[in-house]
C-alpha cells in the first residue's frame, strides 16, 4: 500500500511541476498554454488530487474560442471529466 501512495505522491508532484507558461510572454500562445494546462489537469486526475483543486486549476484556463480542432475536442472531453467530479462538501458552520 505504501508504494501505491508513493506513486500517487510522485504523480501529484509531477502535476505540480508542469509549469504553466507566462501568459505575458510573446513566445507562448493560447493553445500552448491550454495544452500544458490540460496535461496538468490530466496528471492531477491520475494522481487522484482533490476535486476542488482540480476545478481551481481548470477554472484558470482560458478554454473559449479554440481554433485547433483536436485541442477543442480534448477540452470538451476534459470538461466532461470535470463535470463528473464529486460535488464539494459545504463548509460546516461552527456554533
N, C-alpha and C. Protein backbone atom coordinates (compact mmCIF):
# COMPACT_ATOMS: atom_id res chain seq x y z
N UNK A 1 0.82 -1.20 0.00
CA UNK A 1 0.00 0.00 0.00
C UNK A 1 0.86 1.26 0.00
N UNK A 2 1.98 1.20 0.70
CA UNK A 2 2.85 2.37 0.77
C UNK A 2 3.41 2.73 -0.60
N UNK A 3 3.77 1.74 -1.40
CA UNK A 3 4.32 2.05 -2.73
C UNK A 3 3.26 2.70 -3.61
N UNK A 4 2.01 2.31 -3.45
CA UNK A 4 0.93 2.93 -4.20
C UNK A 4 0.77 4.40 -3.79
N UNK A 5 0.84 4.67 -2.50
CA UNK A 5 0.76 6.04 -2.01
C UNK A 5 1.95 6.85 -2.51
N UNK A 6 3.13 6.23 -2.53
CA UNK A 6 4.32 6.91 -3.04
C UNK A 6 4.14 7.25 -4.51
N UNK A 7 3.54 6.32 -5.27
CA UNK A 7 3.31 6.57 -6.69
C UNK A 7 2.38 7.75 -6.90
N UNK A 8 1.27 7.80 -6.14
CA UNK A 8 0.35 8.92 -6.27
C UNK A 8 1.02 10.22 -5.85
N UNK A 9 1.84 10.16 -4.83
CA UNK A 9 2.55 11.35 -4.38
C UNK A 9 3.49 11.84 -5.48
N UNK A 10 4.18 10.93 -6.14
CA UNK A 10 5.09 11.29 -7.23
C UNK A 10 4.32 11.91 -8.39
N UNK A 11 3.17 11.32 -8.71
CA UNK A 11 2.36 11.85 -9.80
C UNK A 11 1.85 13.25 -9.44
N UNK A 12 1.47 13.41 -8.20
CA UNK A 12 0.99 14.71 -7.74
C UNK A 12 2.09 15.76 -7.86
N UNK A 13 3.29 15.40 -7.48
CA UNK A 13 4.42 16.32 -7.60
C UNK A 13 4.70 16.64 -9.06
N UNK A 14 4.56 15.64 -9.92
CA UNK A 14 4.77 15.85 -11.35
C UNK A 14 3.73 16.83 -11.89
N UNK A 15 2.48 16.64 -11.48
CA UNK A 15 1.41 17.54 -11.93
C UNK A 15 1.72 18.97 -11.50
N UNK A 16 2.20 19.14 -10.28
CA UNK A 16 2.55 20.47 -9.80
C UNK A 16 3.73 21.07 -10.55
N UNK A 17 4.60 20.20 -11.07
CA UNK A 17 5.79 20.69 -11.74
C UNK A 17 5.55 21.07 -13.19
N UNK A 18 4.39 20.70 -13.74
CA UNK A 18 4.08 21.09 -15.11
C UNK A 18 3.87 22.60 -15.09
N UNK A 19 4.89 23.28 -15.52
CA UNK A 19 4.88 24.75 -15.43
C UNK A 19 3.96 25.34 -16.47
N UNK A 20 3.15 26.24 -16.03
CA UNK A 20 2.32 26.99 -16.95
C UNK A 20 3.16 28.14 -17.50
N UNK A 21 3.16 28.32 -18.80
CA UNK A 21 3.96 29.40 -19.36
C UNK A 21 3.43 30.76 -18.94
N UNK A 22 4.32 31.72 -18.96
CA UNK A 22 3.96 33.09 -18.63
C UNK A 22 3.03 33.62 -19.72
N UNK A 23 1.83 34.00 -19.35
CA UNK A 23 0.84 34.47 -20.34
C UNK A 23 1.28 35.74 -21.03
N UNK A 24 2.16 36.48 -20.40
CA UNK A 24 2.63 37.73 -20.99
C UNK A 24 3.76 37.50 -21.99
N UNK A 25 4.33 36.32 -21.98
CA UNK A 25 5.47 36.03 -22.84
C UNK A 25 5.02 35.95 -24.30
N UNK A 26 5.73 36.64 -25.20
CA UNK A 26 5.34 36.60 -26.62
C UNK A 26 5.58 35.22 -27.25
N UNK A 27 6.46 34.40 -26.63
CA UNK A 27 6.76 33.09 -27.21
C UNK A 27 5.64 32.08 -26.99
N UNK A 28 4.80 32.33 -26.02
CA UNK A 28 3.74 31.37 -25.73
C UNK A 28 2.42 31.87 -26.29
N UNK A 29 1.69 30.95 -26.83
CA UNK A 29 0.38 31.33 -27.33
C UNK A 29 -0.70 30.62 -26.52
N UNK A 30 -1.91 30.97 -26.78
CA UNK A 30 -3.04 30.44 -26.02
C UNK A 30 -3.11 28.92 -26.13
N UNK A 31 -2.91 28.39 -27.32
CA UNK A 31 -3.04 26.95 -27.50
C UNK A 31 -1.97 26.17 -26.75
N UNK A 32 -0.77 26.68 -26.72
CA UNK A 32 0.30 26.00 -25.97
C UNK A 32 0.00 26.05 -24.47
N UNK A 33 -0.48 27.18 -24.01
CA UNK A 33 -0.87 27.31 -22.60
C UNK A 33 -1.96 26.31 -22.26
N UNK A 34 -2.94 26.16 -23.16
CA UNK A 34 -4.02 25.20 -22.94
C UNK A 34 -3.51 23.76 -22.95
N UNK A 35 -2.62 23.45 -23.86
CA UNK A 35 -2.06 22.08 -23.91
C UNK A 35 -1.36 21.73 -22.59
N UNK A 36 -0.58 22.65 -22.10
CA UNK A 36 0.11 22.42 -20.83
C UNK A 36 -0.89 22.34 -19.67
N UNK A 37 -1.90 23.18 -19.70
CA UNK A 37 -2.93 23.15 -18.66
C UNK A 37 -3.70 21.84 -18.67
N UNK A 38 -4.05 21.36 -19.87
CA UNK A 38 -4.74 20.07 -19.99
C UNK A 38 -3.88 18.94 -19.46
N UNK A 39 -2.60 18.97 -19.77
CA UNK A 39 -1.69 17.93 -19.28
C UNK A 39 -1.62 17.97 -17.75
N UNK A 40 -1.57 19.16 -17.21
CA UNK A 40 -1.52 19.28 -15.75
C UNK A 40 -2.78 18.71 -15.11
N UNK A 41 -3.94 19.05 -15.66
CA UNK A 41 -5.19 18.55 -15.11
C UNK A 41 -5.28 17.03 -15.28
N UNK A 42 -4.83 16.53 -16.42
CA UNK A 42 -4.83 15.08 -16.65
C UNK A 42 -3.99 14.37 -15.59
N UNK A 43 -2.82 14.92 -15.30
CA UNK A 43 -1.96 14.34 -14.28
C UNK A 43 -2.59 14.44 -12.89
N UNK A 44 -3.31 15.51 -12.65
CA UNK A 44 -3.99 15.66 -11.36
C UNK A 44 -5.06 14.58 -11.18
N UNK A 45 -5.78 14.27 -12.26
CA UNK A 45 -6.75 13.18 -12.20
C UNK A 45 -6.04 11.86 -11.93
N UNK A 46 -4.94 11.64 -12.62
CA UNK A 46 -4.17 10.41 -12.44
C UNK A 46 -3.69 10.26 -11.01
N UNK A 47 -3.30 11.37 -10.40
CA UNK A 47 -2.80 11.36 -9.02
C UNK A 47 -3.94 11.39 -8.00
N UNK A 48 -5.18 11.41 -8.49
CA UNK A 48 -6.35 11.46 -7.63
C UNK A 48 -6.31 12.66 -6.67
N UNK A 49 -5.96 13.81 -7.26
CA UNK A 49 -5.94 15.05 -6.49
C UNK A 49 -7.35 15.41 -6.03
N UNK A 50 -7.43 16.30 -5.08
CA UNK A 50 -8.69 16.80 -4.56
C UNK A 50 -9.50 17.44 -5.69
N UNK A 51 -10.79 17.13 -5.74
CA UNK A 51 -11.67 17.63 -6.80
C UNK A 51 -11.68 19.16 -6.85
N UNK A 52 -11.69 19.79 -5.70
CA UNK A 52 -11.73 21.26 -5.68
C UNK A 52 -10.44 21.85 -6.25
N UNK A 53 -9.33 21.21 -5.97
CA UNK A 53 -8.05 21.69 -6.51
C UNK A 53 -8.03 21.56 -8.03
N UNK A 54 -8.56 20.43 -8.53
CA UNK A 54 -8.63 20.23 -9.98
C UNK A 54 -9.53 21.30 -10.60
N UNK A 55 -10.68 21.56 -9.99
CA UNK A 55 -11.58 22.59 -10.51
C UNK A 55 -10.92 23.97 -10.53
N UNK A 56 -10.14 24.26 -9.51
CA UNK A 56 -9.47 25.57 -9.44
C UNK A 56 -8.48 25.74 -10.59
N UNK A 57 -7.69 24.70 -10.85
CA UNK A 57 -6.74 24.77 -11.97
C UNK A 57 -7.49 24.90 -13.28
N UNK A 58 -8.54 24.10 -13.45
CA UNK A 58 -9.34 24.13 -14.68
C UNK A 58 -9.95 25.50 -14.90
N UNK A 59 -10.46 26.10 -13.85
CA UNK A 59 -11.10 27.41 -13.95
C UNK A 59 -10.11 28.49 -14.39
N UNK A 60 -8.83 28.28 -14.14
CA UNK A 60 -7.82 29.25 -14.52
C UNK A 60 -7.41 29.18 -15.99
N UNK A 61 -7.91 28.19 -16.70
CA UNK A 61 -7.57 28.05 -18.12
C UNK A 61 -8.59 28.78 -18.99
N UNK A 62 -8.11 29.44 -20.03
CA UNK A 62 -8.99 30.14 -20.97
C UNK A 62 -9.38 29.15 -22.06
N UNK A 63 -10.53 28.50 -21.89
CA UNK A 63 -10.92 27.43 -22.80
C UNK A 63 -11.90 27.89 -23.89
N UNK A 64 -12.12 29.17 -24.00
CA UNK A 64 -13.06 29.70 -25.00
C UNK A 64 -12.35 29.96 -26.33
N UNK A 65 -13.10 29.82 -27.41
CA UNK A 65 -12.65 30.18 -28.76
C UNK A 65 -11.32 29.54 -29.16
N UNK A 66 -11.26 28.21 -29.11
CA UNK A 66 -10.05 27.49 -29.50
C UNK A 66 -10.18 27.10 -30.96
N UNK A 67 -9.20 27.47 -31.77
CA UNK A 67 -9.25 27.20 -33.21
C UNK A 67 -8.83 25.77 -33.55
N UNK A 68 -7.88 25.23 -32.83
CA UNK A 68 -7.37 23.88 -33.11
C UNK A 68 -8.44 22.83 -32.76
N UNK A 69 -8.87 22.06 -33.77
CA UNK A 69 -9.96 21.10 -33.57
C UNK A 69 -9.62 20.01 -32.56
N UNK A 70 -8.42 19.50 -32.63
CA UNK A 70 -8.02 18.44 -31.69
C UNK A 70 -8.00 18.98 -30.26
N UNK A 71 -7.46 20.16 -30.08
CA UNK A 71 -7.41 20.77 -28.76
C UNK A 71 -8.82 21.04 -28.25
N UNK A 72 -9.70 21.52 -29.13
CA UNK A 72 -11.09 21.77 -28.75
C UNK A 72 -11.77 20.47 -28.31
N UNK A 73 -11.49 19.37 -29.00
CA UNK A 73 -12.05 18.07 -28.63
C UNK A 73 -11.51 17.62 -27.27
N UNK A 74 -10.20 17.81 -27.05
CA UNK A 74 -9.59 17.44 -25.77
C UNK A 74 -10.18 18.27 -24.62
N UNK A 75 -10.44 19.53 -24.89
CA UNK A 75 -11.04 20.41 -23.87
C UNK A 75 -12.45 19.92 -23.54
N UNK A 76 -13.22 19.59 -24.57
CA UNK A 76 -14.59 19.11 -24.36
C UNK A 76 -14.58 17.81 -23.55
N UNK A 77 -13.66 16.93 -23.88
CA UNK A 77 -13.53 15.66 -23.16
C UNK A 77 -13.17 15.90 -21.69
N UNK A 78 -12.21 16.80 -21.44
CA UNK A 78 -11.80 17.10 -20.08
C UNK A 78 -12.93 17.80 -19.32
N UNK A 79 -13.68 18.65 -19.99
CA UNK A 79 -14.81 19.31 -19.34
C UNK A 79 -15.81 18.28 -18.84
N UNK A 80 -16.00 17.22 -19.61
CA UNK A 80 -16.88 16.14 -19.17
C UNK A 80 -16.37 15.48 -17.90
N UNK A 81 -15.05 15.27 -17.83
CA UNK A 81 -14.46 14.69 -16.61
C UNK A 81 -14.62 15.64 -15.43
N UNK A 82 -14.41 16.92 -15.68
CA UNK A 82 -14.55 17.92 -14.62
C UNK A 82 -16.00 17.93 -14.11
N UNK A 83 -16.95 17.86 -15.04
CA UNK A 83 -18.36 17.88 -14.67
C UNK A 83 -18.75 16.67 -13.83
N UNK A 84 -18.03 15.57 -13.99
CA UNK A 84 -18.34 14.35 -13.23
C UNK A 84 -17.62 14.27 -11.89
N UNK A 85 -16.82 15.26 -11.58
CA UNK A 85 -16.15 15.26 -10.27
C UNK A 85 -17.20 15.35 -9.16
N UNK A 86 -16.90 14.73 -8.02
CA UNK A 86 -17.86 14.82 -6.92
C UNK A 86 -18.03 16.27 -6.46
N UNK A 87 -19.23 16.57 -6.01
CA UNK A 87 -19.52 17.91 -5.52
C UNK A 87 -18.69 18.19 -4.27
N UNK A 88 -18.34 19.43 -4.09
CA UNK A 88 -17.60 19.83 -2.90
C UNK A 88 -18.52 19.78 -1.70
N UNK A 89 -17.97 19.37 -0.59
CA UNK A 89 -18.75 19.35 0.65
C UNK A 89 -18.90 20.78 1.13
N UNK A 90 -20.12 21.19 1.51
CA UNK A 90 -20.30 22.55 2.02
C UNK A 90 -19.59 22.70 3.35
N UNK A 91 -19.10 23.88 3.59
CA UNK A 91 -18.44 24.15 4.85
C UNK A 91 -19.46 24.12 5.98
N UNK A 92 -19.08 23.48 7.06
CA UNK A 92 -19.99 23.39 8.19
C UNK A 92 -19.84 24.63 9.06
N UNK A 93 -20.98 25.09 9.53
CA UNK A 93 -20.96 26.24 10.42
C UNK A 93 -20.52 25.80 11.81
N UNK A 94 -19.68 26.60 12.42
CA UNK A 94 -19.29 26.31 13.80
C UNK A 94 -20.12 27.18 14.72
N UNK A 95 -20.67 26.56 15.72
CA UNK A 95 -21.53 27.33 16.64
C UNK A 95 -20.98 27.31 18.02
